[in-house]
Amino acid sequence: MKKIATLWRADGIVKKTLVGALAAGAVLVLASVFAFGDQDSYSGPARAKWTMGFALGGAFPLGEFKTNIVHPGGGLDISLGRRIGSSAFMAGFDLCWVIYGLRTSDEFLSGSIPLQVEVQTTNNILQGLFYLKYLPGRGRLRPYVEAVAGLSYLFTDTSIYSESNSNEIASDVNFSDTAFTAGAGAGIQIRLGKGSGGRSTRTNGEWLLDVKARYMFGGTAKYLREGSIIYEDGQYTYLYNRSRTDFLSVQIGLSANF
């Protein structure tokens, strides 16, 4: 099975996917507000201790980064957090993967081997982030703010796939760099329903729709973009860029409190 990056084969598809995701998120938010907005707040006997989430979204380059990376990227986010005591603060960890470039081509394996293969090169950002979130509400609609900090690993990966069965033949990281990143964000959680009661009868398990935006202040790093790998006279040249790596992240997903 090929990587998730095959979903992002062309700039037009990327843009349409991002617009579709944002439109779907807006529809879900409005539907949830109309469905649940007039109901009583849900407080329960105790706040849930743990939260786990999964989200999809877009990453929009800013500043120097936008000059070099013209088109937005897309990716996913997986998070795990725990409430600090009985307060309205939660601390946790996010693992975020963003694809900001993809190039595919059909080529022959070598001049002496007449076997056609698919060569796929992806430009990626993998982030490990610690977050602190202030979420005071306990009703159906729960706005929040958060601060995040961690590391960004920017890398370009090339994989070769068989044309006949799509199996991966080889893969290698062509170029990589690491930078510190920090940011702030805001969002809203919309309770969709109760879970099975959490870890004990004194806490409430629940499912929530989570819509958020983050402004990420990325440190200076070296990175490749689409078309940065040049092959000439039997040698490869990497035309890397170097700049700050700021971007705006917009995400929509589901989270579970337990």
C-alpha atoms as a PDB file:
ATOM      1  CA  MET A   1       0.000   0.000   0.000  1.00  0.00           C
ATOM      2  CA  LYS A   2       1.347   3.426  -0.947  1.00  0.00           C
ATOM      3  CA  LYS A   3       1.770   6.269   1.481  1.00  0.00           C
ATOM      4  CA  ILE A   4      -0.995   8.653   2.421  1.00  0.00           C
ATOM      5  CA  ALA A   5       0.865  11.128   0.239  1.00  0.00           C
ATOM      6  CA  THR A   6      -0.700   9.608  -2.872  1.00  0.00           C
ATOM      7  CA  LEU A   7      -3.862  11.505  -1.899  1.00  0.00           C
ATOM      8  CA  TRP A   8      -2.007  14.718  -2.684  1.00  0.00           C
ATOM      9  CA  ARG A   9      -0.906  14.099  -6.268  1.00  0.00           C
ATOM     10  CA  ALA A  10      -1.514  17.553  -7.675  1.00  0.00           C
ATOM     11  CA  ASP A  11      -1.827  21.129  -6.424  1.00  0.00           C
ATOM     12  CA  GLY A  12      -5.431  21.288  -7.627  1.00  0.00           C
ATOM     13  CA  ILE A  13      -6.378  18.220  -5.614  1.00  0.00           C
ATOM     14  CA  VAL A  14      -4.662  19.641  -2.534  1.00  0.00           C
ATOM     15  CA  LYS A  15      -6.595  22.895  -2.783  1.00  0.00           C
ATOM     16  CA  LYS A  16      -9.929  21.172  -3.413  1.00  0.00           C
ATOM     17  CA  THR A  17      -9.340  18.809  -0.490  1.00  0.00           C
ATOM     18  CA  LEU A  18      -8.515  21.656   1.899  1.00  0.00           C
ATOM     19  CA  VAL A  19     -11.519  23.686   0.795  1.00  0.00           C
ATOM     20  CA  GLY A  20     -13.745  20.627   1.130  1.00  0.00           C
ATOM     21  CA  ALA A  21     -12.430  19.852   4.618  1.00  0.00           C
ATOM     22  CA  LEU A  22     -12.988  23.415   5.797  1.00  0.00           C
ATOM     23  CA  ALA A  23     -16.472  23.516   4.273  1.00  0.00           C
ATOM     24  CA  ALA A  24     -17.351  20.196   5.906  1.00  0.00           C
ATOM     25  CA  GLY A  25     -16.064  21.529   9.214  1.00  0.00           C
ATOM     26  CA  ALA A  26     -18.230  24.642   8.924  1.00  0.00           C
ATOM     27  CA  VAL A  27     -21.288  22.509   8.179  1.00  0.00           C
ATOM     28  CA  LEU A  28     -20.567  20.239  11.171  1.00  0.00           C
ATOM     29  CA  VAL A  29     -20.084  23.217  13.472  1.00  0.00           C
ATOM     30  CA  LEU A  30     -23.365  24.825  12.395  1.00  0.00           C
ATOM     31  CA  ALA A  31     -25.230  21.531  12.607  1.00  0.00           C
ATOM     32  CA  SER A  32     -23.884  20.898  16.095  1.00  0.00           C
ATOM     33  CA  VAL A  33     -24.769  24.397  17.261  1.00  0.00           C
ATOM     34  CA  PHE A  34     -28.367  24.031  16.029  1.00  0.00           C
ATOM     35  CA  ALA A  35     -28.628  20.509  17.452  1.00  0.00           C
ATOM     36  CA  PHE A  36     -27.075  21.111  20.853  1.00  0.00           C
ATOM     37  CA  GLY A  37     -26.845  24.856  21.391  1.00  0.00           C
ATOM     38  CA  ASP A  38     -30.174  25.235  23.148  1.00  0.00           C
ATOM     39  CA  GLN A  39     -29.658  22.353  25.568  1.00  0.00           C
ATOM     40  CA  ASP A  40     -28.544  22.681  29.146  1.00  0.00           C
ATOM     41  CA  SER A  41     -24.877  22.681  30.019  1.00  0.00           C
ATOM     42  CA  TYR A  42     -23.401  19.302  30.756  1.00  0.00           C
ATOM     43  CA  SER A  43     -21.308  19.378  33.891  1.00  0.00           C
ATOM     44  CA  GLY A  44     -21.589  15.894  35.369  1.00  0.00           C
ATOM     45  CA  PRO A  45     -20.084  14.833  38.684  1.00  0.00           C
ATOM     46  CA  ALA A  46     -16.457  15.322  37.610  1.00  0.00           C
ATOM     47  CA  ARG A  47     -14.249  16.437  34.738  1.00  0.00           C
ATOM     48  CA  ALA A  48     -12.687  13.678  32.626  1.00  0.00           C
ATOM     49  CA  LYS A  49      -8.972  13.195  33.316  1.00  0.00           C
ATOM     50  CA  TRP A  50      -7.700  12.087  29.894  1.00  0.00           C
ATOM     51  CA  THR A  51      -8.282  13.261  26.333  1.00  0.00           C
ATOM     52  CA  MET A  52      -7.264  11.728  23.014  1.00  0.00           C
ATOM     53  CA  GLY A  53      -7.778  13.255  19.579  1.00  0.00           C
ATOM     54  CA  PHE A  54      -7.330  12.777  15.840  1.00  0.00           C
ATOM     55  CA  ALA A  55      -7.581  15.615  13.316  1.00  0.00           C
ATOM     56  CA  LEU A  56      -7.081  16.421   9.633  1.00  0.00           C
ATOM     57  CA  GLY A  57      -6.361  19.829   8.217  1.00  0.00           C
ATOM     58  CA  GLY A  58      -4.283  22.234   6.206  1.00  0.00           C
ATOM     59  CA  ALA A  59      -1.002  24.058   6.735  1.00  0.00           C
ATOM     60  CA  PHE A  60      -0.600  27.484   5.120  1.00  0.00           C
ATOM     61  CA  PRO A  61       2.988  28.812   4.851  1.00  0.00           C
ATOM     62  CA  LEU A  62       3.656  32.344   6.097  1.00  0.00           C
ATOM     63  CA  GLY A  63       6.383  34.937   5.638  1.00  0.00           C
ATOM     64  CA  GLU A  64       9.690  33.669   4.237  1.00  0.00           C
ATOM     65  CA  PHE A  65       8.336  30.142   4.170  1.00  0.00           C
ATOM     66  CA  LYS A  66       5.458  31.201   1.895  1.00  0.00           C
ATOM     67  CA  THR A  67       7.929  32.801  -0.527  1.00  0.00           C
ATOM     68  CA  ASN A  68       9.527  29.386  -1.109  1.00  0.00           C
ATOM     69  CA  ILE A  69       6.525  27.090  -0.497  1.00  0.00           C
ATOM     70  CA  VAL A  70       3.752  28.693  -2.522  1.00  0.00           C
ATOM     71  CA  HIS A  71       0.994  26.107  -2.099  1.00  0.00           C
ATOM     72  CA  PRO A  72      -0.613  24.937   1.176  1.00  0.00           C
ATOM     73  CA  GLY A  73       0.006  21.484   2.581  1.00  0.00           C
ATOM     74  CA  GLY A  74      -2.166  18.970   4.361  1.00  0.00           C
ATOM     75  CA  GLY A  75      -1.740  16.387   7.056  1.00  0.00           C
ATOM     76  CA  LEU A  76      -2.907  14.819  10.264  1.00  0.00           C
ATOM     77  CA  ASP A  77      -2.516  15.283  14.008  1.00  0.00           C
ATOM     78  CA  ILE A  78      -2.705  12.741  16.845  1.00  0.00           C
ATOM     79  CA  SER A  79      -2.784  14.001  20.437  1.00  0.00           C
ATOM     80  CA  LEU A  80      -2.936  12.711  23.990  1.00  0.00           C
ATOM     81  CA  GLY A  81      -3.404  14.846  27.103  1.00  0.00           C
ATOM     82  CA  ARG A  82      -4.274  14.822  30.789  1.00  0.00           C
ATOM     83  CA  ARG A  83      -6.030  17.329  32.999  1.00  0.00           C
ATOM     84  CA  ILE A  84      -3.899  19.055  35.642  1.00  0.00           C
ATOM     85  CA  GLY A  85      -5.624  18.136  38.883  1.00  0.00           C
ATOM     86  CA  SER A  86      -9.210  19.379  38.864  1.00  0.00           C
ATOM     87  CA  SER A  87      -8.323  22.620  37.077  1.00  0.00           C
ATOM     88  CA  ALA A  88      -9.364  23.863  33.642  1.00  0.00           C
ATOM     89  CA  PHE A  89      -5.843  23.256  32.265  1.00  0.00           C
ATOM     90  CA  MET A  90      -4.778  20.245  30.235  1.00  0.00           C
ATOM     91  CA  ALA A  91      -1.218  19.295  29.277  1.00  0.00           C
ATOM     92  CA  GLY A  92      -0.302  16.837  26.577  1.00  0.00           C
ATOM     93  CA  PHE A  93       1.642  15.841  23.472  1.00  0.00           C
ATOM     94  CA  ASP A  94       0.844  16.216  19.754  1.00  0.00           C
ATOM     95  CA  LEU A  95       2.370  14.314  16.851  1.00  0.00           C
ATOM     96  CA  CYS A  96       1.748  16.249  13.621  1.00  0.00           C
ATOM     97  CA  TRP A  97       2.611  15.248  10.046  1.00  0.00           C
ATOM     98  CA  VAL A  98       2.305  17.740   7.192  1.00  0.00           C
ATOM     99  CA  ILE A  99       2.932  17.069   3.488  1.00  0.00           C
ATOM    100  CA  TYR A 100       3.717  20.322   1.656  1.00  0.00           C
ATOM    101  CA  GLY A 101       4.924  18.909  -1.647  1.00  0.00           C
ATOM    102  CA  LEU A 102       4.537  15.810  -3.828  1.00  0.00           C
ATOM    103  CA  ARG A 103       6.015  14.880  -7.172  1.00  0.00           C
ATOM    104  CA  THR A 104       5.493  11.590  -9.023  1.00  0.00           C
ATOM    105  CA  SER A 105       6.874  10.318 -12.312  1.00  0.00           C
ATOM    106  CA  ASP A 106       7.079   7.080 -14.286  1.00  0.00           C
ATOM    107  CA  GLU A 107      10.669   6.145 -15.056  1.00  0.00           C
ATOM    108  CA  PHE A 108      12.765   3.154 -16.034  1.00  0.00           C
ATOM    109  CA  LEU A 109      14.700   1.552 -13.194  1.00  0.00           C
ATOM    110  CA  SER A 110      17.969   1.934 -15.130  1.00  0.00           C
ATOM    111  CA  GLY A 111      19.268   2.113 -18.641  1.00  0.00           C
ATOM    112  CA  SER A 112      20.122  -1.589 -18.634  1.00  0.00           C
ATOM    113  CA  ILE A 113      16.917  -2.787 -16.910  1.00  0.00           C
ATOM    114  CA  PRO A 114      13.754  -2.109 -18.987  1.00  0.00           C
ATOM    115  CA  LEU A 115      11.467  -2.096 -15.939  1.00  0.00           C
ATOM    116  CA  GLN A 116       9.156   0.893 -15.497  1.00  0.00           C
ATOM    117  CA  VAL A 117       8.566   2.078 -11.935  1.00  0.00           C
ATOM    118  CA  GLU A 118       6.797   4.965 -10.209  1.00  0.00           C
ATOM    119  CA  VAL A 119       9.093   7.410  -8.415  1.00  0.00           C
ATOM    120  CA  GLN A 120       7.409   9.452  -5.680  1.00  0.00           C
ATOM    121  CA  THR A 121       9.094  12.315  -3.826  1.00  0.00           C
ATOM    122  CA  THR A 122       7.360  13.955  -0.843  1.00  0.00           C
ATOM    123  CA  ASN A 123       8.283  17.043   1.167  1.00  0.00           C
ATOM    124  CA  ASN A 124       7.261  16.632   4.800  1.00  0.00           C
ATOM    125  CA  ILE A 125       7.224  18.243   8.225  1.00  0.00           C
ATOM    126  CA  LEU A 126       7.012  15.979  11.269  1.00  0.00           C
ATOM    127  CA  GLN A 127       6.385  17.804  14.550  1.00  0.00           C
ATOM    128  CA  GLY A 128       6.542  16.644  18.136  1.00  0.00           C
ATOM    129  CA  LEU A 129       4.781  19.252  20.290  1.00  0.00           C
ATOM    130  CA  PHE A 130       3.993  19.694  23.970  1.00  0.00           C
ATOM    131  CA  TYR A 131       0.878  21.733  24.645  1.00  0.00           C
ATOM    132  CA  LEU A 132      -0.839  23.509  27.517  1.00  0.00           C
ATOM    133  CA  LYS A 133      -4.547  24.128  26.963  1.00  0.00           C
ATOM    134  CA  TYR A 134      -6.965  26.289  28.944  1.00  0.00           C
ATOM    135  CA  LEU A 135     -10.486  24.916  28.527  1.00  0.00           C
ATOM    136  CA  PRO A 136     -12.819  26.361  31.188  1.00  0.00           C
ATOM    137  CA  GLY A 137     -16.196  25.407  29.717  1.00  0.00           C
ATOM    138  CA  ARG A 138     -18.181  22.297  30.556  1.00  0.00           C
ATOM    139  CA  GLY A 139     -21.224  22.820  28.372  1.00  0.00           C
ATOM    140  CA  ARG A 140     -22.022  21.789  24.827  1.00  0.00           C
ATOM    141  CA  LEU A 141     -19.817  24.505  23.310  1.00  0.00           C
ATOM    142  CA  ARG A 142     -16.327  24.832  24.810  1.00  0.00           C
ATOM    143  CA  PRO A 143     -13.962  27.486  23.433  1.00  0.00           C
ATOM    144  CA  TYR A 144     -10.312  27.203  24.445  1.00  0.00           C
ATOM    145  CA  VAL A 145      -6.842  28.660  23.951  1.00  0.00           C
ATOM    146  CA  GLU A 146      -3.523  26.835  23.945  1.00  0.00           C
ATOM    147  CA  ALA A 147       0.253  27.268  23.774  1.00  0.00           C
ATOM    148  CA  VAL A 148       2.545  24.728  22.071  1.00  0.00           C
ATOM    149  CA  ALA A 149       6.303  24.177  21.743  1.00  0.00           C
ATOM    150  CA  GLY A 150       8.517  21.458  20.323  1.00  0.00           C
ATOM    151  CA  LEU A 151      10.618  20.399  17.334  1.00  0.00           C
ATOM    152  CA  SER A 152       9.978  20.330  13.582  1.00  0.00           C
ATOM    153  CA  TYR A 153      11.745  17.724  11.463  1.00  0.00           C
ATOM    154  CA  LEU A 154      11.681  18.795   7.803  1.00  0.00           C
ATOM    155  CA  PHE A 155      12.588  16.034   5.362  1.00  0.00           C
ATOM    156  CA  THR A 156      12.266  15.019   1.737  1.00  0.00           C
ATOM    157  CA  ASP A 157      11.744  11.345   1.008  1.00  0.00           C
ATOM    158  CA  THR A 158      11.895   9.468  -2.308  1.00  0.00           C
ATOM    159  CA  SER A 159      10.245   6.063  -2.785  1.00  0.00           C
ATOM    160  CA  ILE A 160      10.146   3.697  -5.748  1.00  0.00           C
ATOM    161  CA  TYR A 161       7.030   1.598  -6.383  1.00  0.00           C
ATOM    162  CA  SER A 162       6.391  -1.274  -8.738  1.00  0.00           C
ATOM    163  CA  GLU A 163       4.026  -0.351 -11.574  1.00  0.00           C
ATOM    164  CA  SER A 164       2.467  -3.829 -11.598  1.00  0.00           C
ATOM    165  CA  ASN A 165       1.423  -4.244  -7.939  1.00  0.00           C
ATOM    166  CA  SER A 166       2.256  -0.873  -6.245  1.00  0.00           C
ATOM    167  CA  ASN A 167       4.679  -2.537  -3.801  1.00  0.00           C
ATOM    168  CA  GLU A 168       7.465  -0.350  -2.466  1.00  0.00           C
ATOM    169  CA  ILE A 169      10.844  -1.363  -3.897  1.00  0.00           C
ATOM    170  CA  ALA A 170      13.100   1.158  -2.146  1.00  0.00           C
ATOM    171  CA  SER A 171      12.914   4.344  -0.097  1.00  0.00           C
ATOM    172  CA  ASP A 172      15.411   6.899   1.182  1.00  0.00           C
ATOM    173  CA  VAL A 173      15.497  10.293   2.919  1.00  0.00           C
ATOM    174  CA  ASN A 174      17.184  12.704   0.498  1.00  0.00           C
ATOM    175  CA  PHE A 175      17.490  15.763   2.732  1.00  0.00           C
ATOM    176  CA  SER A 176      16.529  16.747   6.287  1.00  0.00           C
ATOM    177  CA  ASP A 177      16.910  19.392   8.982  1.00  0.00           C
ATOM    178  CA  THR A 178      15.466  20.139  12.424  1.00  0.00           C
ATOM    179  CA  ALA A 179      14.248  23.398  13.967  1.00  0.00           C
ATOM    180  CA  PHE A 180      12.597  24.544  17.185  1.00  0.00           C
ATOM    181  CA  THR A 181       8.993  25.670  16.880  1.00  0.00           C
ATOM    182  CA  ALA A 182       6.441  27.293  19.171  1.00  0.00           C
ATOM    183  CA  GLY A 183       3.020  28.770  18.746  1.00  0.00           C
ATOM    184  CA  ALA A 184      -0.408  29.631  20.056  1.00  0.00           C
ATOM    185  CA  GLY A 185      -3.878  28.631  19.021  1.00  0.00           C
ATOM    186  CA  ALA A 186      -7.576  28.782  19.721  1.00  0.00           C
ATOM    187  CA  GLY A 187     -10.492  26.525  18.996  1.00  0.00           C
ATOM    188  CA  ILE A 188     -13.856  25.230  20.040  1.00  0.00           C
ATOM    189  CA  GLN A 189     -15.017  21.803  21.128  1.00  0.00           C
ATOM    190  CA  ILE A 190     -18.610  20.730  20.531  1.00  0.00           C
ATOM    191  CA  ARG A 191     -19.924  17.806  22.562  1.00  0.00           C
ATOM    192  CA  LEU A 192     -21.515  15.207  20.309  1.00  0.00           C
ATOM    193  CA  GLY A 193     -22.497  12.639  22.910  1.00  0.00           C
ATOM    194  CA  LYS A 194     -21.633  10.764  26.058  1.00  0.00           C
ATOM    195  CA  GLY A 195     -19.303   7.791  26.142  1.00  0.00           C
ATOM    196  CA  SER A 196     -19.454   4.759  28.349  1.00  0.00           C
ATOM    197  CA  GLY A 197     -18.937   6.620  31.593  1.00  0.00           C
ATOM    198  CA  GLY A 198     -15.194   7.169  31.591  1.00  0.00           C
ATOM    199  CA  ARG A 199     -12.761   5.335  33.817  1.00  0.00           C
ATOM    200  CA  SER A 200     -15.142   5.281  36.753  1.00  0.00           C
ATOM    201  CA  THR A 201     -18.709   6.179  37.607  1.00  0.00           C
ATOM    202  CA  ARG A 202     -17.505   9.516  38.953  1.00  0.00           C
ATOM    203  CA  THR A 203     -16.244  10.776  35.562  1.00  0.00           C
ATOM    204  CA  ASN A 204     -17.958  11.335  32.234  1.00  0.00           C
ATOM    205  CA  GLY A 205     -16.766   9.823  28.975  1.00  0.00           C
ATOM    206  CA  GLU A 206     -17.751  11.865  25.929  1.00  0.00           C
ATOM    207  CA  TRP A 207     -17.130  12.494  22.227  1.00  0.00           C
ATOM    208  CA  LEU A 208     -16.398  15.972  20.887  1.00  0.00           C
ATOM    209  CA  LEU A 209     -15.971  17.704  17.553  1.00  0.00           C
ATOM    210  CA  ASP A 210     -12.794  19.815  17.714  1.00  0.00           C
ATOM    211  CA  VAL A 211     -12.120  22.755  15.362  1.00  0.00           C
ATOM    212  CA  LYS A 212      -8.963  24.817  15.885  1.00  0.00           C
ATOM    213  CA  ALA A 213      -6.323  27.074  14.346  1.00  0.00           C
ATOM    214  CA  ARG A 214      -2.679  27.484  15.342  1.00  0.00           C
ATOM    215  CA  TYR A 215      -0.060  30.058  14.433  1.00  0.00           C
ATOM    216  CA  MET A 216       3.295  28.258  14.456  1.00  0.00           C
ATOM    217  CA  PHE A 217       6.505  30.292  14.778  1.00  0.00           C
ATOM    218  CA  GLY A 218       9.051  27.972  13.168  1.00  0.00           C
ATOM    219  CA  GLY A 219      12.796  28.360  13.551  1.00  0.00           C
ATOM    220  CA  THR A 220      15.255  28.680  10.668  1.00  0.00           C
ATOM    221  CA  ALA A 221      15.844  25.439   8.768  1.00  0.00           C
ATOM    222  CA  LYS A 222      17.085  24.090   5.442  1.00  0.00           C
ATOM    223  CA  TYR A 223      14.516  22.279   3.320  1.00  0.00           C
ATOM    224  CA  LEU A 224      13.666  21.201  -0.216  1.00  0.00           C
ATOM    225  CA  ARG A 225      10.551  21.994  -2.225  1.00  0.00           C
ATOM    226  CA  GLU A 226       9.044  20.464  -5.344  1.00  0.00           C
ATOM    227  CA  GLY A 227      11.620  20.404  -8.143  1.00  0.00           C
ATOM    228  CA  SER A 228      14.608  20.991  -5.821  1.00  0.00           C
ATOM    229  CA  ILE A 229      16.310  17.703  -6.742  1.00  0.00           C
ATOM    230  CA  ILE A 230      18.220  18.083 -10.050  1.00  0.00           C
ATOM    231  CA  TYR A 231      19.726  15.112 -11.910  1.00  0.00           C
ATOM    232  CA  GLU A 232      22.399  15.964 -14.461  1.00  0.00           C
ATOM    233  CA  ASP A 233      25.346  14.039 -15.909  1.00  0.00           C
ATOM    234  CA  GLY A 234      24.797  11.128 -13.543  1.00  0.00           C
ATOM    235  CA  GLN A 235      24.830  13.282 -10.382  1.00  0.00           C
ATOM    236  CA  TYR A 236      22.127  14.678  -8.082  1.00  0.00           C
ATOM    237  CA  THR A 237      22.133  18.269  -6.871  1.00  0.00           C
ATOM    238  CA  TYR A 238      19.934  19.462  -3.989  1.00  0.00           C
ATOM    239  CA  LEU A 239      18.843  23.094  -4.375  1.00  0.00           C
ATOM    240  CA  TYR A 240      17.765  23.698  -0.798  1.00  0.00           C
ATOM    241  CA  ASN A 241      16.128  26.785   0.692  1.00  0.00           C
ATOM    242  CA  ARG A 242      16.905  28.247   4.102  1.00  0.00           C
ATOM    243  CA  SER A 243      14.425  30.405   6.013  1.00  0.00           C
ATOM    244  CA  ARG A 244      12.100  30.579   8.970  1.00  0.00           C
ATOM    245  CA  THR A 245       9.329  27.987   8.837  1.00  0.00           C
ATOM    246  CA  ASP A 246       6.219  29.816  10.067  1.00  0.00           C
ATOM    247  CA  PHE A 247       2.794  28.544   9.059  1.00  0.00           C
ATOM    248  CA  LEU A 248      -0.865  28.668   9.992  1.00  0.00           C
ATOM    249  CA  SER A 249      -2.511  25.348  10.813  1.00  0.00           C
ATOM    250  CA  VAL A 250      -6.288  24.822  10.548  1.00  0.00           C
ATOM    251  CA  GLN A 251      -7.682  21.479  11.743  1.00  0.00           C
ATOM    252  CA  ILE A 252     -10.928  19.638  12.310  1.00  0.00           C
ATOM    253  CA  GLY A 253     -11.204  16.340  14.124  1.00  0.00           C
ATOM    254  CA  LEU A 254     -12.708  14.211  16.858  1.00  0.00           C
ATOM    255  CA  SER A 255     -11.586  13.867  20.449  1.00  0.00           C
ATOM    256  CA  ALA A 256     -12.618  11.595  23.302  1.00  0.00           C
ATOM    257  CA  ASN A 257     -12.574  12.506  26.988  1.00  0.00           C
ATOM    258  CA  PHE A 258     -12.405   9.676  29.500  1.00  0.00           C
END
